[in-house]
């Protein structure tokens, strides 16, 4: 079953450059939100 997946022309997410850039952008946005939330929660105390 796994061999037939290679025959198909469906690139993996990491092999797809736009997909990889989109994933990196999503991770960066998530990191910024978490960092902002952590700083905002720590400062008022």
C-alpha atoms as a PDB file:
ATOM      1  CA  UNK A   1       0.000   0.000   0.000  1.00  0.00           C
ATOM      2  CA  UNK A   2       2.796   2.423   0.869  1.00  0.00           C
ATOM      3  CA  UNK A   3       4.506   1.880  -2.500  1.00  0.00           C
ATOM      4  CA  UNK A   4       1.433   2.988  -4.466  1.00  0.00           C
ATOM      5  CA  UNK A   5       1.558   6.330  -2.665  1.00  0.00           C
ATOM      6  CA  UNK A   6       4.972   7.042  -4.201  1.00  0.00           C
ATOM      7  CA  UNK A   7       3.643   6.369  -7.706  1.00  0.00           C
ATOM      8  CA  UNK A   8       1.031   9.078  -7.285  1.00  0.00           C
ATOM      9  CA  UNK A   9       2.095  12.658  -7.983  1.00  0.00           C
ATOM     10  CA  UNK A  10       1.123  13.973  -4.561  1.00  0.00           C
ATOM     11  CA  UNK A  11       4.095  15.744  -2.962  1.00  0.00           C
ATOM     12  CA  UNK A  12       4.414  15.582   0.792  1.00  0.00           C
ATOM     13  CA  UNK A  13       3.844  18.773   2.772  1.00  0.00           C
ATOM     14  CA  UNK A  14       7.568  19.236   3.408  1.00  0.00           C
ATOM     15  CA  UNK A  15       8.473  18.532  -0.237  1.00  0.00           C
ATOM     16  CA  UNK A  16       6.084  21.296  -1.276  1.00  0.00           C
ATOM     17  CA  UNK A  17       7.887  24.625  -0.840  1.00  0.00           C
ATOM     18  CA  UNK A  18       4.750  26.838  -0.563  1.00  0.00           C
ATOM     19  CA  UNK A  19       3.318  24.374   1.933  1.00  0.00           C
ATOM     20  CA  UNK A  20       6.511  24.470   3.975  1.00  0.00           C
ATOM     21  CA  UNK A  21       6.549  28.277   3.961  1.00  0.00           C
ATOM     22  CA  UNK A  22       2.894  28.330   4.996  1.00  0.00           C
ATOM     23  CA  UNK A  23       3.629  25.910   7.837  1.00  0.00           C
ATOM     24  CA  UNK A  24       6.563  28.064   9.005  1.00  0.00           C
ATOM     25  CA  UNK A  25       4.362  31.165   8.871  1.00  0.00           C
ATOM     26  CA  UNK A  26       1.676  29.405  10.907  1.00  0.00           C
ATOM     27  CA  UNK A  27       4.242  28.317  13.504  1.00  0.00           C
ATOM     28  CA  UNK A  28       5.624  31.870  13.681  1.00  0.00           C
ATOM     29  CA  UNK A  29       2.137  33.320  14.209  1.00  0.00           C
ATOM     30  CA  UNK A  30       1.350  30.749  16.896  1.00  0.00           C
ATOM     31  CA  UNK A  31       4.657  31.464  18.641  1.00  0.00           C
ATOM     32  CA  UNK A  32       3.965  35.220  18.546  1.00  0.00           C
ATOM     33  CA  UNK A  33       0.475  34.722  20.019  1.00  0.00           C
ATOM     34  CA  UNK A  34       1.749  32.449  22.790  1.00  0.00           C
ATOM     35  CA  UNK A  35       4.633  34.805  23.592  1.00  0.00           C
ATOM     36  CA  UNK A  36       2.313  37.817  23.653  1.00  0.00           C
ATOM     37  CA  UNK A  37      -0.169  35.991  25.885  1.00  0.00           C
ATOM     38  CA  UNK A  38       2.595  34.888  28.263  1.00  0.00           C
ATOM     39  CA  UNK A  39       4.073  38.397  28.522  1.00  0.00           C
ATOM     40  CA  UNK A  40       0.644  39.980  29.001  1.00  0.00           C
ATOM     41  CA  UNK A  41      -0.237  37.473  31.720  1.00  0.00           C
ATOM     42  CA  UNK A  42       3.084  37.970  33.536  1.00  0.00           C
ATOM     43  CA  UNK A  43       3.298  41.785  33.521  1.00  0.00           C
ATOM     44  CA  UNK A  44       0.054  42.827  35.352  1.00  0.00           C
ATOM     45  CA  UNK A  45       1.046  40.760  38.412  1.00  0.00           C
END
